[in-house]
Amino acid sequence: MPTKKSASKELRKSKKRVIINSLKKRSLKELIKKIRKSIAEGKVDESKKLAQEATKLLDKADKTNLMHKNTAARKKSRIFKAIKKASLKK
């Protein structure tokens, strides 16, 4: 346990950040799962709309250091590559 007042405040802040960051990561994972599911079902238009939302969230995650910028770029690239592949099959 922290002994100084500033250290205890920093611990409280850290706990809040952990909760917020885990919620953001969880929502991102769920959104990516929705996109993959809609692609598998052949709903290309729906997956494009979800991909735009995912791009926005991934950019924010990159900006706030929630994930590395290359990780965010890789995820975006794979999403759009899968959508393009699914649209060509139609």
N, C-alpha and C. Protein backbone atom coordinates (compact mmCIF):
# COMPACT_ATOMS: atom_id res chain seq x y z
N MET A 1 0.84 -1.19 0.00
CA MET A 1 0.00 0.00 0.00
C MET A 1 0.89 1.25 0.00
N PRO A 2 0.44 2.27 -0.74
CA PRO A 2 1.22 3.50 -0.79
C PRO A 2 1.17 4.25 0.54
N THR A 3 2.27 4.88 0.86
CA THR A 3 2.33 5.62 2.12
C THR A 3 2.11 7.12 1.93
N LYS A 4 2.48 7.62 0.76
CA LYS A 4 2.31 9.05 0.51
C LYS A 4 0.94 9.33 -0.11
N LYS A 5 0.49 10.54 0.12
CA LYS A 5 -0.82 10.95 -0.38
C LYS A 5 -0.86 10.93 -1.91
N SER A 6 0.19 11.40 -2.54
CA SER A 6 0.22 11.44 -4.00
C SER A 6 0.25 10.04 -4.60
N ALA A 7 0.93 9.13 -3.90
CA ALA A 7 1.00 7.75 -4.40
C ALA A 7 -0.35 7.07 -4.31
N SER A 8 -1.11 7.35 -3.25
CA SER A 8 -2.43 6.73 -3.12
C SER A 8 -3.39 7.29 -4.17
N LYS A 9 -3.25 8.58 -4.48
CA LYS A 9 -4.07 9.18 -5.54
C LYS A 9 -3.73 8.56 -6.89
N GLU A 10 -2.47 8.37 -7.14
CA GLU A 10 -2.03 7.75 -8.39
C GLU A 10 -2.56 6.33 -8.51
N LEU A 11 -2.61 5.61 -7.41
CA LEU A 11 -3.16 4.25 -7.42
C LEU A 11 -4.65 4.27 -7.78
N ARG A 12 -5.39 5.22 -7.23
CA ARG A 12 -6.82 5.34 -7.56
C ARG A 12 -7.00 5.65 -9.04
N LYS A 13 -6.18 6.57 -9.55
CA LYS A 13 -6.26 6.93 -10.96
C LYS A 13 -5.94 5.73 -11.85
N SER A 14 -4.94 4.97 -11.43
CA SER A 14 -4.53 3.81 -12.20
C SER A 14 -5.64 2.77 -12.27
N LYS A 15 -6.32 2.55 -11.14
CA LYS A 15 -7.42 1.58 -11.11
C LYS A 15 -8.55 2.00 -12.05
N LYS A 16 -8.86 3.29 -12.07
CA LYS A 16 -9.91 3.81 -12.96
C LYS A 16 -9.51 3.60 -14.42
N ARG A 17 -8.24 3.89 -14.73
CA ARG A 17 -7.76 3.75 -16.10
C ARG A 17 -7.81 2.30 -16.57
N VAL A 18 -7.49 1.38 -15.67
CA VAL A 18 -7.52 -0.04 -16.02
C VAL A 18 -8.94 -0.45 -16.42
N ILE A 19 -9.91 0.01 -15.65
CA ILE A 19 -11.31 -0.32 -15.94
C ILE A 19 -11.74 0.27 -17.28
N ILE A 20 -11.43 1.54 -17.49
CA ILE A 20 -11.84 2.22 -18.73
C ILE A 20 -11.17 1.57 -19.94
N ASN A 21 -9.87 1.29 -19.83
CA ASN A 21 -9.14 0.69 -20.95
C ASN A 21 -9.65 -0.71 -21.27
N SER A 22 -9.97 -1.49 -20.24
CA SER A 22 -10.48 -2.83 -20.49
C SER A 22 -11.84 -2.79 -21.15
N LEU A 23 -12.68 -1.81 -20.79
CA LEU A 23 -13.98 -1.66 -21.44
C LEU A 23 -13.81 -1.28 -22.91
N LYS A 24 -12.87 -0.39 -23.19
CA LYS A 24 -12.63 0.01 -24.57
C LYS A 24 -12.12 -1.16 -25.40
N LYS A 25 -11.18 -1.93 -24.85
CA LYS A 25 -10.65 -3.08 -25.57
C LYS A 25 -11.74 -4.12 -25.82
N ARG A 26 -12.57 -4.33 -24.82
CA ARG A 26 -13.66 -5.30 -24.95
C ARG A 26 -14.63 -4.88 -26.05
N SER A 27 -14.99 -3.60 -26.10
CA SER A 27 -15.91 -3.13 -27.13
C SER A 27 -15.30 -3.26 -28.52
N LEU A 28 -14.01 -3.02 -28.63
CA LEU A 28 -13.33 -3.19 -29.90
C LEU A 28 -13.37 -4.65 -30.36
N LYS A 29 -13.08 -5.56 -29.44
CA LYS A 29 -13.09 -6.98 -29.77
C LYS A 29 -14.48 -7.42 -30.21
N GLU A 30 -15.51 -6.95 -29.50
CA GLU A 30 -16.88 -7.32 -29.85
C GLU A 30 -17.26 -6.78 -31.22
N LEU A 31 -16.84 -5.57 -31.53
CA LEU A 31 -17.14 -4.97 -32.82
C LEU A 31 -16.47 -5.74 -33.94
N ILE A 32 -15.24 -6.14 -33.74
CA ILE A 32 -14.52 -6.91 -34.76
C ILE A 32 -15.18 -8.27 -34.96
N LYS A 33 -15.66 -8.87 -33.88
CA LYS A 33 -16.39 -10.14 -34.00
C LYS A 33 -17.67 -9.95 -34.80
N LYS A 34 -18.39 -8.84 -34.57
CA LYS A 34 -19.61 -8.55 -35.32
C LYS A 34 -19.31 -8.41 -36.81
N ILE A 35 -18.20 -7.74 -37.11
CA ILE A 35 -17.82 -7.55 -38.51
C ILE A 35 -17.54 -8.89 -39.16
N ARG A 36 -16.77 -9.72 -38.49
CA ARG A 36 -16.43 -11.03 -39.05
C ARG A 36 -17.68 -11.89 -39.24
N LYS A 37 -18.60 -11.79 -38.31
CA LYS A 37 -19.85 -12.56 -38.41
C LYS A 37 -20.68 -12.08 -39.59
N SER A 38 -20.78 -10.77 -39.76
CA SER A 38 -21.57 -10.23 -40.88
C SER A 38 -20.93 -10.57 -42.22
N ILE A 39 -19.61 -10.63 -42.26
CA ILE A 39 -18.92 -11.03 -43.49
C ILE A 39 -19.22 -12.49 -43.80
N ALA A 40 -19.19 -13.33 -42.77
CA ALA A 40 -19.47 -14.75 -42.96
C ALA A 40 -20.90 -14.99 -43.43
N GLU A 41 -21.82 -14.13 -42.98
CA GLU A 41 -23.22 -14.26 -43.39
C GLU A 41 -23.48 -13.63 -44.76
N GLY A 42 -22.50 -12.91 -45.30
CA GLY A 42 -22.63 -12.31 -46.61
C GLY A 42 -23.25 -10.93 -46.61
N LYS A 43 -23.34 -10.31 -45.46
CA LYS A 43 -23.90 -8.96 -45.34
C LYS A 43 -22.77 -7.93 -45.49
N VAL A 44 -22.41 -7.67 -46.74
CA VAL A 44 -21.26 -6.81 -47.02
C VAL A 44 -21.55 -5.36 -46.65
N ASP A 45 -22.76 -4.87 -46.94
CA ASP A 45 -23.09 -3.47 -46.64
C ASP A 45 -23.03 -3.20 -45.14
N GLU A 46 -23.59 -4.13 -44.37
CA GLU A 46 -23.57 -3.98 -42.91
C GLU A 46 -22.14 -4.01 -42.38
N SER A 47 -21.34 -4.91 -42.93
CA SER A 47 -19.95 -5.01 -42.47
C SER A 47 -19.15 -3.76 -42.83
N LYS A 48 -19.47 -3.09 -43.94
CA LYS A 48 -18.78 -1.85 -44.30
C LYS A 48 -19.08 -0.75 -43.29
N LYS A 49 -20.35 -0.65 -42.88
CA LYS A 49 -20.73 0.36 -41.88
C LYS A 49 -20.04 0.08 -40.55
N LEU A 50 -20.01 -1.19 -40.16
CA LEU A 50 -19.35 -1.55 -38.90
C LEU A 50 -17.85 -1.31 -39.00
N ALA A 51 -17.28 -1.52 -40.18
CA ALA A 51 -15.84 -1.30 -40.37
C ALA A 51 -15.48 0.17 -40.21
N GLN A 52 -16.35 1.05 -40.66
CA GLN A 52 -16.09 2.48 -40.47
C GLN A 52 -16.08 2.83 -38.99
N GLU A 53 -17.01 2.25 -38.25
CA GLU A 53 -17.05 2.48 -36.80
C GLU A 53 -15.80 1.90 -36.13
N ALA A 54 -15.40 0.71 -36.58
CA ALA A 54 -14.22 0.08 -36.01
C ALA A 54 -12.96 0.90 -36.31
N THR A 55 -12.91 1.47 -37.50
CA THR A 55 -11.76 2.31 -37.87
C THR A 55 -11.65 3.49 -36.93
N LYS A 56 -12.79 4.09 -36.65
CA LYS A 56 -12.80 5.24 -35.73
C LYS A 56 -12.30 4.83 -34.34
N LEU A 57 -12.79 3.70 -33.84
CA LEU A 57 -12.37 3.24 -32.51
C LEU A 57 -10.90 2.84 -32.49
N LEU A 58 -10.44 2.20 -33.57
CA LEU A 58 -9.04 1.79 -33.63
C LEU A 58 -8.12 3.01 -33.70
N ASP A 59 -8.54 4.03 -34.41
CA ASP A 59 -7.73 5.26 -34.47
C ASP A 59 -7.65 5.92 -33.10
N LYS A 60 -8.76 5.92 -32.37
CA LYS A 60 -8.75 6.49 -31.03
C LYS A 60 -7.87 5.66 -30.10
N ALA A 61 -7.93 4.33 -30.23
CA ALA A 61 -7.11 3.46 -29.41
C ALA A 61 -5.63 3.70 -29.68
N ASP A 62 -5.32 3.92 -30.93
CA ASP A 62 -3.94 4.21 -31.32
C ASP A 62 -3.51 5.57 -30.74
N LYS A 63 -4.37 6.54 -30.83
CA LYS A 63 -4.04 7.89 -30.37
C LYS A 63 -3.84 7.96 -28.86
N THR A 64 -4.63 7.19 -28.12
CA THR A 64 -4.55 7.22 -26.66
C THR A 64 -3.62 6.14 -26.10
N ASN A 65 -2.83 5.52 -26.97
CA ASN A 65 -1.87 4.48 -26.58
C ASN A 65 -2.52 3.27 -25.92
N LEU A 66 -3.76 2.99 -26.31
CA LEU A 66 -4.43 1.79 -25.83
C LEU A 66 -3.84 0.57 -26.52
N MET A 67 -3.43 0.76 -27.77
CA MET A 67 -2.71 -0.27 -28.50
C MET A 67 -1.69 0.40 -29.41
N HIS A 68 -0.73 -0.38 -29.86
CA HIS A 68 0.32 0.15 -30.71
C HIS A 68 -0.26 0.55 -32.06
N LYS A 69 0.33 1.54 -32.69
CA LYS A 69 -0.22 2.06 -33.94
C LYS A 69 -0.19 1.01 -35.05
N ASN A 70 0.84 0.17 -35.06
CA ASN A 70 0.93 -0.86 -36.09
C ASN A 70 -0.12 -1.95 -35.87
N THR A 71 -0.45 -2.22 -34.62
CA THR A 71 -1.49 -3.20 -34.31
C THR A 71 -2.84 -2.69 -34.83
N ALA A 72 -3.12 -1.43 -34.59
CA ALA A 72 -4.37 -0.84 -35.06
C ALA A 72 -4.42 -0.86 -36.58
N ALA A 73 -3.32 -0.51 -37.22
CA ALA A 73 -3.26 -0.51 -38.68
C ALA A 73 -3.45 -1.92 -39.24
N ARG A 74 -2.85 -2.89 -38.60
CA ARG A 74 -2.98 -4.29 -39.04
C ARG A 74 -4.42 -4.76 -38.95
N LYS A 75 -5.08 -4.43 -37.84
CA LYS A 75 -6.47 -4.84 -37.66
C LYS A 75 -7.38 -4.20 -38.71
N LYS A 76 -7.17 -2.90 -38.97
CA LYS A 76 -7.96 -2.22 -39.99
C LYS A 76 -7.73 -2.86 -41.36
N SER A 77 -6.48 -3.13 -41.66
CA SER A 77 -6.14 -3.71 -42.95
C SER A 77 -6.80 -5.07 -43.14
N ARG A 78 -6.77 -5.89 -42.12
CA ARG A 78 -7.36 -7.23 -42.23
C ARG A 78 -8.88 -7.17 -42.35
N ILE A 79 -9.49 -6.22 -41.67
CA ILE A 79 -10.94 -6.07 -41.76
C ILE A 79 -11.34 -5.70 -43.19
N PHE A 80 -10.69 -4.67 -43.74
CA PHE A 80 -11.05 -4.22 -45.07
C PHE A 80 -10.68 -5.23 -46.15
N LYS A 81 -9.63 -5.98 -45.92
CA LYS A 81 -9.24 -7.03 -46.86
C LYS A 81 -10.30 -8.13 -46.88
N ALA A 82 -10.83 -8.49 -45.72
CA ALA A 82 -11.87 -9.51 -45.64
C ALA A 82 -13.17 -9.02 -46.30
N ILE A 83 -13.48 -7.73 -46.10
CA ILE A 83 -14.69 -7.17 -46.73
C ILE A 83 -14.56 -7.18 -48.25
N LYS A 84 -13.39 -6.80 -48.73
CA LYS A 84 -13.17 -6.77 -50.17
C LYS A 84 -13.29 -8.17 -50.75
N LYS A 85 -12.73 -9.14 -50.07
CA LYS A 85 -12.79 -10.52 -50.52
C LYS A 85 -14.23 -11.01 -50.56
N ALA A 86 -15.01 -10.66 -49.54
CA ALA A 86 -16.41 -11.07 -49.48
C ALA A 86 -17.25 -10.39 -50.56
N SER A 87 -16.93 -9.13 -50.86
CA SER A 87 -17.70 -8.42 -51.90
C SER A 87 -17.40 -8.96 -53.30
N LEU A 88 -16.20 -9.48 -53.50
CA LEU A 88 -15.85 -10.05 -54.80
C LEU A 88 -16.55 -11.39 -55.03
N LYS A 89 -16.84 -12.09 -53.93
CA LYS A 89 -17.52 -13.39 -54.05
C LYS A 89 -18.96 -13.25 -54.49
N LYS A 90 -19.56 -12.09 -54.19
CA LYS A 90 -20.96 -11.87 -54.56
C LYS A 90 -21.12 -11.85 -56.00
